[in-house]
Amino acid sequence: MRLALFLLGTGIGSGTRFVIVHYFRELHRFPTGVLVVNVCGSFLLGLIAADKSEIAYGLMGFCGALTTWSAFALDLFESLRNRASKVFLLNLLLNYGIGIAAALTGIWIAG
């Protein structure tokens, strides 16, 4: 049952990521969509970190598929290739800084 919930969560998470990333890509040159999914996923993972219930496996799958290391890395590479060092640094600092803060906030809220 845990595996089924995990796999269901990954399907929903990856679809959600696709929609969010492409929505923001149409609005901004900055990779806002990747930042949004990474921060939201970090916060949700923080909330469920200590949860051992069955539903937590589905949520872990969702968060794992929602967040994206590969798109983040590609966005960083593209900004370097385009000599956009300010975009590179801002993207790097925001993803790590806000992502870690979001995860810690989720853990703190979950108690």
N, C-alpha and C. Protein backbone atom coordinates (compact mmCIF):
# COMPACT_ATOMS: atom_id res chain seq x y z
N MET A 1 0.82 -1.19 0.00
CA MET A 1 0.00 0.00 0.00
C MET A 1 0.87 1.27 0.00
N ARG A 2 1.97 1.22 0.77
CA ARG A 2 2.85 2.39 0.82
C ARG A 2 3.43 2.71 -0.55
N LEU A 3 3.84 1.69 -1.27
CA LEU A 3 4.40 1.90 -2.60
C LEU A 3 3.35 2.50 -3.53
N ALA A 4 2.15 2.00 -3.48
CA ALA A 4 1.07 2.53 -4.34
C ALA A 4 0.81 4.00 -4.03
N LEU A 5 0.78 4.36 -2.76
CA LEU A 5 0.57 5.76 -2.38
C LEU A 5 1.74 6.63 -2.83
N PHE A 6 2.95 6.10 -2.68
CA PHE A 6 4.14 6.83 -3.11
C PHE A 6 4.09 7.09 -4.62
N LEU A 7 3.78 6.06 -5.39
CA LEU A 7 3.72 6.20 -6.85
C LEU A 7 2.60 7.14 -7.29
N LEU A 8 1.47 7.07 -6.62
CA LEU A 8 0.38 8.00 -6.92
C LEU A 8 0.82 9.43 -6.65
N GLY A 9 1.50 9.63 -5.53
CA GLY A 9 2.01 10.96 -5.20
C GLY A 9 2.99 11.49 -6.23
N THR A 10 3.86 10.61 -6.75
CA THR A 10 4.84 11.06 -7.75
C THR A 10 4.15 11.49 -9.04
N GLY A 11 3.11 10.78 -9.42
CA GLY A 11 2.38 11.17 -10.63
C GLY A 11 1.73 12.53 -10.49
N ILE A 12 1.11 12.75 -9.36
CA ILE A 12 0.45 14.04 -9.11
C ILE A 12 1.49 15.15 -8.96
N GLY A 13 2.58 14.86 -8.27
CA GLY A 13 3.63 15.87 -8.06
C GLY A 13 4.30 16.30 -9.35
N SER A 14 4.61 15.35 -10.23
CA SER A 14 5.28 15.72 -11.48
C SER A 14 4.35 16.51 -12.39
N GLY A 15 3.08 16.15 -12.41
CA GLY A 15 2.11 16.91 -13.20
C GLY A 15 1.94 18.33 -12.66
N THR A 16 1.91 18.45 -11.35
CA THR A 16 1.79 19.76 -10.72
C THR A 16 3.01 20.62 -11.04
N ARG A 17 4.20 20.01 -10.96
CA ARG A 17 5.43 20.74 -11.28
C ARG A 17 5.40 21.24 -12.72
N PHE A 18 5.00 20.40 -13.64
CA PHE A 18 4.94 20.78 -15.05
C PHE A 18 4.07 22.02 -15.24
N VAL A 19 2.89 22.01 -14.65
CA VAL A 19 1.95 23.13 -14.80
C VAL A 19 2.53 24.41 -14.19
N ILE A 20 3.06 24.32 -12.98
CA ILE A 20 3.58 25.51 -12.29
C ILE A 20 4.79 26.09 -13.02
N VAL A 21 5.74 25.25 -13.38
CA VAL A 21 6.96 25.74 -14.04
C VAL A 21 6.61 26.40 -15.37
N HIS A 22 5.74 25.78 -16.16
CA HIS A 22 5.40 26.36 -17.46
C HIS A 22 4.55 27.62 -17.32
N TYR A 23 3.71 27.68 -16.31
CA TYR A 23 2.92 28.89 -16.06
C TYR A 23 3.84 30.08 -15.78
N PHE A 24 4.78 29.91 -14.87
CA PHE A 24 5.68 31.01 -14.52
C PHE A 24 6.67 31.32 -15.63
N ARG A 25 7.02 30.33 -16.43
CA ARG A 25 7.95 30.58 -17.54
C ARG A 25 7.36 31.57 -18.53
N GLU A 26 6.05 31.55 -18.68
CA GLU A 26 5.39 32.49 -19.59
C GLU A 26 5.36 33.91 -19.02
N LEU A 27 5.49 34.04 -17.71
CA LEU A 27 5.37 35.34 -17.05
C LEU A 27 6.71 36.02 -16.79
N HIS A 28 7.76 35.25 -16.53
CA HIS A 28 9.03 35.81 -16.07
C HIS A 28 10.21 35.21 -16.82
N ARG A 29 11.25 36.01 -16.95
CA ARG A 29 12.51 35.47 -17.49
C ARG A 29 13.26 34.72 -16.40
N PHE A 30 13.11 35.18 -15.16
CA PHE A 30 13.73 34.49 -14.03
C PHE A 30 13.01 33.16 -13.81
N PRO A 31 13.73 32.09 -13.47
CA PRO A 31 13.10 30.77 -13.29
C PRO A 31 12.26 30.68 -12.01
N THR A 32 11.23 31.50 -11.94
CA THR A 32 10.37 31.58 -10.76
C THR A 32 9.64 30.27 -10.49
N GLY A 33 9.21 29.59 -11.53
CA GLY A 33 8.46 28.35 -11.35
C GLY A 33 9.25 27.29 -10.61
N VAL A 34 10.51 27.14 -10.96
CA VAL A 34 11.37 26.16 -10.29
C VAL A 34 11.56 26.56 -8.83
N LEU A 35 11.75 27.84 -8.59
CA LEU A 35 11.88 28.33 -7.21
C LEU A 35 10.61 28.03 -6.42
N VAL A 36 9.45 28.28 -6.99
CA VAL A 36 8.18 28.04 -6.31
C VAL A 36 8.01 26.56 -5.95
N VAL A 37 8.26 25.66 -6.90
CA VAL A 37 8.06 24.24 -6.59
C VAL A 37 9.09 23.73 -5.59
N ASN A 38 10.33 24.22 -5.67
CA ASN A 38 11.34 23.77 -4.72
C ASN A 38 11.04 24.25 -3.30
N VAL A 39 10.61 25.49 -3.16
CA VAL A 39 10.29 26.02 -1.83
C VAL A 39 9.04 25.34 -1.27
N CYS A 40 8.01 25.21 -2.07
CA CYS A 40 6.78 24.54 -1.60
C CYS A 40 7.06 23.09 -1.22
N GLY A 41 7.81 22.39 -2.04
CA GLY A 41 8.15 21.00 -1.75
C GLY A 41 8.99 20.88 -0.49
N SER A 42 9.92 21.80 -0.29
CA SER A 42 10.75 21.78 0.92
C SER A 42 9.90 22.00 2.17
N PHE A 43 8.97 22.93 2.09
CA PHE A 43 8.09 23.21 3.22
C PHE A 43 7.21 21.99 3.54
N LEU A 44 6.61 21.41 2.50
CA LEU A 44 5.75 20.24 2.72
C LEU A 44 6.54 19.06 3.28
N LEU A 45 7.75 18.84 2.77
CA LEU A 45 8.58 17.76 3.31
C LEU A 45 8.92 18.00 4.77
N GLY A 46 9.16 19.26 5.12
CA GLY A 46 9.41 19.59 6.52
C GLY A 46 8.21 19.26 7.39
N LEU A 47 7.01 19.56 6.88
CA LEU A 47 5.79 19.27 7.63
C LEU A 47 5.60 17.78 7.89
N ILE A 48 5.96 16.96 6.92
CA ILE A 48 5.68 15.52 7.05
C ILE A 48 6.89 14.70 7.46
N ALA A 49 8.01 15.36 7.76
CA ALA A 49 9.26 14.64 8.04
C ALA A 49 9.12 13.60 9.14
N ALA A 50 8.37 13.88 10.16
CA ALA A 50 8.24 12.95 11.29
C ALA A 50 7.01 12.06 11.19
N ASP A 51 6.19 12.27 10.17
CA ASP A 51 4.94 11.51 10.02
C ASP A 51 5.23 10.11 9.48
N LYS A 52 4.77 9.11 10.18
CA LYS A 52 4.99 7.72 9.76
C LYS A 52 3.70 7.07 9.26
N SER A 53 2.67 7.86 9.03
CA SER A 53 1.40 7.31 8.57
C SER A 53 1.49 6.88 7.11
N GLU A 54 0.52 6.13 6.68
CA GLU A 54 0.48 5.66 5.29
C GLU A 54 0.41 6.83 4.31
N ILE A 55 -0.40 7.83 4.63
CA ILE A 55 -0.57 8.95 3.72
C ILE A 55 0.72 9.74 3.53
N ALA A 56 1.60 9.69 4.52
CA ALA A 56 2.88 10.40 4.41
C ALA A 56 3.70 9.87 3.23
N TYR A 57 3.56 8.61 2.90
CA TYR A 57 4.30 8.05 1.77
C TYR A 57 3.83 8.67 0.46
N GLY A 58 2.54 8.89 0.34
CA GLY A 58 2.02 9.58 -0.84
C GLY A 58 2.50 11.01 -0.91
N LEU A 59 2.53 11.67 0.23
CA LEU A 59 3.01 13.05 0.28
C LEU A 59 4.50 13.15 -0.01
N MET A 60 5.27 12.17 0.45
CA MET A 60 6.71 12.15 0.13
C MET A 60 6.92 11.98 -1.37
N GLY A 61 6.15 11.11 -1.99
CA GLY A 61 6.23 10.95 -3.44
C GLY A 61 5.86 12.23 -4.17
N PHE A 62 4.81 12.88 -3.69
CA PHE A 62 4.37 14.14 -4.29
C PHE A 62 5.48 15.18 -4.20
N CYS A 63 6.05 15.36 -3.02
CA CYS A 63 7.10 16.37 -2.82
C CYS A 63 8.36 16.04 -3.62
N GLY A 64 8.72 14.78 -3.67
CA GLY A 64 9.90 14.38 -4.42
C GLY A 64 9.75 14.66 -5.91
N ALA A 65 8.55 14.45 -6.44
CA ALA A 65 8.31 14.70 -7.86
C ALA A 65 8.04 16.17 -8.14
N LEU A 66 7.52 16.87 -7.14
CA LEU A 66 7.24 18.30 -7.31
C LEU A 66 8.54 19.09 -7.41
N THR A 67 9.48 18.81 -6.53
CA THR A 67 10.74 19.54 -6.53
C THR A 67 11.62 19.05 -7.68
N THR A 68 12.55 19.89 -8.09
CA THR A 68 13.34 19.50 -9.24
C THR A 68 14.78 20.03 -9.16
N TRP A 69 15.68 19.12 -8.94
CA TRP A 69 17.10 19.47 -8.93
C TRP A 69 17.61 19.68 -10.36
N SER A 70 17.16 18.87 -11.28
CA SER A 70 17.68 18.93 -12.65
C SER A 70 17.31 20.24 -13.33
N ALA A 71 16.08 20.70 -13.19
CA ALA A 71 15.69 21.97 -13.81
C ALA A 71 16.42 23.14 -13.14
N PHE A 72 16.61 23.05 -11.84
CA PHE A 72 17.36 24.08 -11.11
C PHE A 72 18.79 24.14 -11.65
N ALA A 73 19.43 23.00 -11.80
CA ALA A 73 20.80 22.95 -12.32
C ALA A 73 20.86 23.49 -13.75
N LEU A 74 19.89 23.13 -14.58
CA LEU A 74 19.86 23.61 -15.96
C LEU A 74 19.67 25.13 -16.00
N ASP A 75 18.80 25.64 -15.15
CA ASP A 75 18.61 27.10 -15.09
C ASP A 75 19.89 27.80 -14.68
N LEU A 76 20.62 27.23 -13.73
CA LEU A 76 21.90 27.82 -13.32
C LEU A 76 22.90 27.80 -14.48
N PHE A 77 22.97 26.67 -15.18
CA PHE A 77 23.88 26.55 -16.32
C PHE A 77 23.53 27.57 -17.40
N GLU A 78 22.24 27.71 -17.70
CA GLU A 78 21.81 28.66 -18.73
C GLU A 78 22.18 30.09 -18.36
N SER A 79 22.02 30.44 -17.09
CA SER A 79 22.37 31.81 -16.69
C SER A 79 23.88 32.04 -16.80
N LEU A 80 24.68 31.03 -16.51
CA LEU A 80 26.13 31.18 -16.69
C LEU A 80 26.50 31.27 -18.17
N ARG A 81 25.88 30.44 -18.97
CA ARG A 81 26.15 30.46 -20.40
C ARG A 81 25.78 31.80 -21.02
N ASN A 82 24.72 32.41 -20.51
CA ASN A 82 24.27 33.71 -21.02
C ASN A 82 24.96 34.88 -20.30
N ARG A 83 25.95 34.56 -19.49
CA ARG A 83 26.71 35.56 -18.74
C ARG A 83 25.82 36.43 -17.86
N ALA A 84 24.80 35.82 -17.30
CA ALA A 84 23.88 36.51 -16.39
C ALA A 84 24.25 36.13 -14.96
N SER A 85 25.38 36.64 -14.50
CA SER A 85 25.89 36.24 -13.19
C SER A 85 24.97 36.67 -12.05
N LYS A 86 24.28 37.79 -12.18
CA LYS A 86 23.34 38.22 -11.14
C LYS A 86 22.17 37.25 -11.03
N VAL A 87 21.66 36.81 -12.16
CA VAL A 87 20.56 35.83 -12.16
C VAL A 87 21.05 34.52 -11.55
N PHE A 88 22.26 34.11 -11.91
CA PHE A 88 22.84 32.88 -11.36
C PHE A 88 22.90 32.95 -9.84
N LEU A 89 23.49 34.01 -9.31
CA LEU A 89 23.64 34.13 -7.86
C LEU A 89 22.30 34.26 -7.14
N LEU A 90 21.40 35.05 -7.70
CA LEU A 90 20.09 35.22 -7.08
C LEU A 90 19.33 33.91 -7.05
N ASN A 91 19.34 33.19 -8.16
CA ASN A 91 18.66 31.90 -8.24
C ASN A 91 19.25 30.91 -7.24
N LEU A 92 20.56 30.84 -7.18
CA LEU A 92 21.25 29.94 -6.26
C LEU A 92 20.90 30.26 -4.81
N LEU A 93 21.03 31.52 -4.44
CA LEU A 93 20.77 31.93 -3.06
C LEU A 93 19.31 31.77 -2.67
N LEU A 94 18.40 32.11 -3.57
CA LEU A 94 16.97 31.99 -3.25
C LEU A 94 16.56 30.53 -3.09
N ASN A 95 16.98 29.68 -4.01
CA ASN A 95 16.59 28.26 -3.92
C ASN A 95 17.12 27.61 -2.65
N TYR A 96 18.40 27.84 -2.35
CA TYR A 96 18.96 27.23 -1.15
C TYR A 96 18.46 27.93 0.12
N GLY A 97 18.54 29.25 0.14
CA GLY A 97 18.17 29.99 1.34
C GLY A 97 16.70 29.82 1.72
N ILE A 98 15.82 30.10 0.78
CA ILE A 98 14.39 30.00 1.08
C ILE A 98 13.98 28.54 1.21
N GLY A 99 14.58 27.66 0.42
CA GLY A 99 14.26 26.23 0.50
C GLY A 99 14.57 25.65 1.87
N ILE A 100 15.75 25.95 2.38
CA ILE A 100 16.13 25.45 3.72
C ILE A 100 15.25 26.09 4.79
N ALA A 101 15.00 27.39 4.66
CA ALA A 101 14.13 28.06 5.63
C ALA A 101 12.72 27.48 5.60
N ALA A 102 12.23 27.16 4.41
CA ALA A 102 10.89 26.58 4.29
C ALA A 102 10.83 25.20 4.94
N ALA A 103 11.86 24.39 4.72
CA ALA A 103 11.89 23.05 5.33
C ALA A 103 11.94 23.16 6.85
N LEU A 104 12.77 24.05 7.36
CA LEU A 104 12.87 24.24 8.81
C LEU A 104 11.56 24.77 9.39
N THR A 105 10.90 25.65 8.66
CA THR A 105 9.60 26.16 9.11
C THR A 105 8.57 25.04 9.17
N GLY A 106 8.57 24.18 8.15
CA GLY A 106 7.66 23.04 8.16
C GLY A 106 7.91 22.11 9.34
N ILE A 107 9.17 21.85 9.62
CA ILE A 107 9.53 20.99 10.76
C ILE A 107 9.09 21.66 12.06
N TRP A 108 9.31 22.95 12.17
CA TRP A 108 8.94 23.69 13.38
C TRP A 108 7.42 23.67 13.58
N ILE A 109 6.65 23.90 12.52
CA ILE A 109 5.19 23.89 12.62
C ILE A 109 4.69 22.51 13.01
N ALA A 110 5.29 21.48 12.41
CA ALA A 110 4.86 20.11 12.70
C ALA A 110 5.15 19.73 14.14
N GLY A 111 6.12 20.44 14.73
CA GLY A 111 6.42 20.23 16.15
C GLY A 111 7.18 18.99 16.39
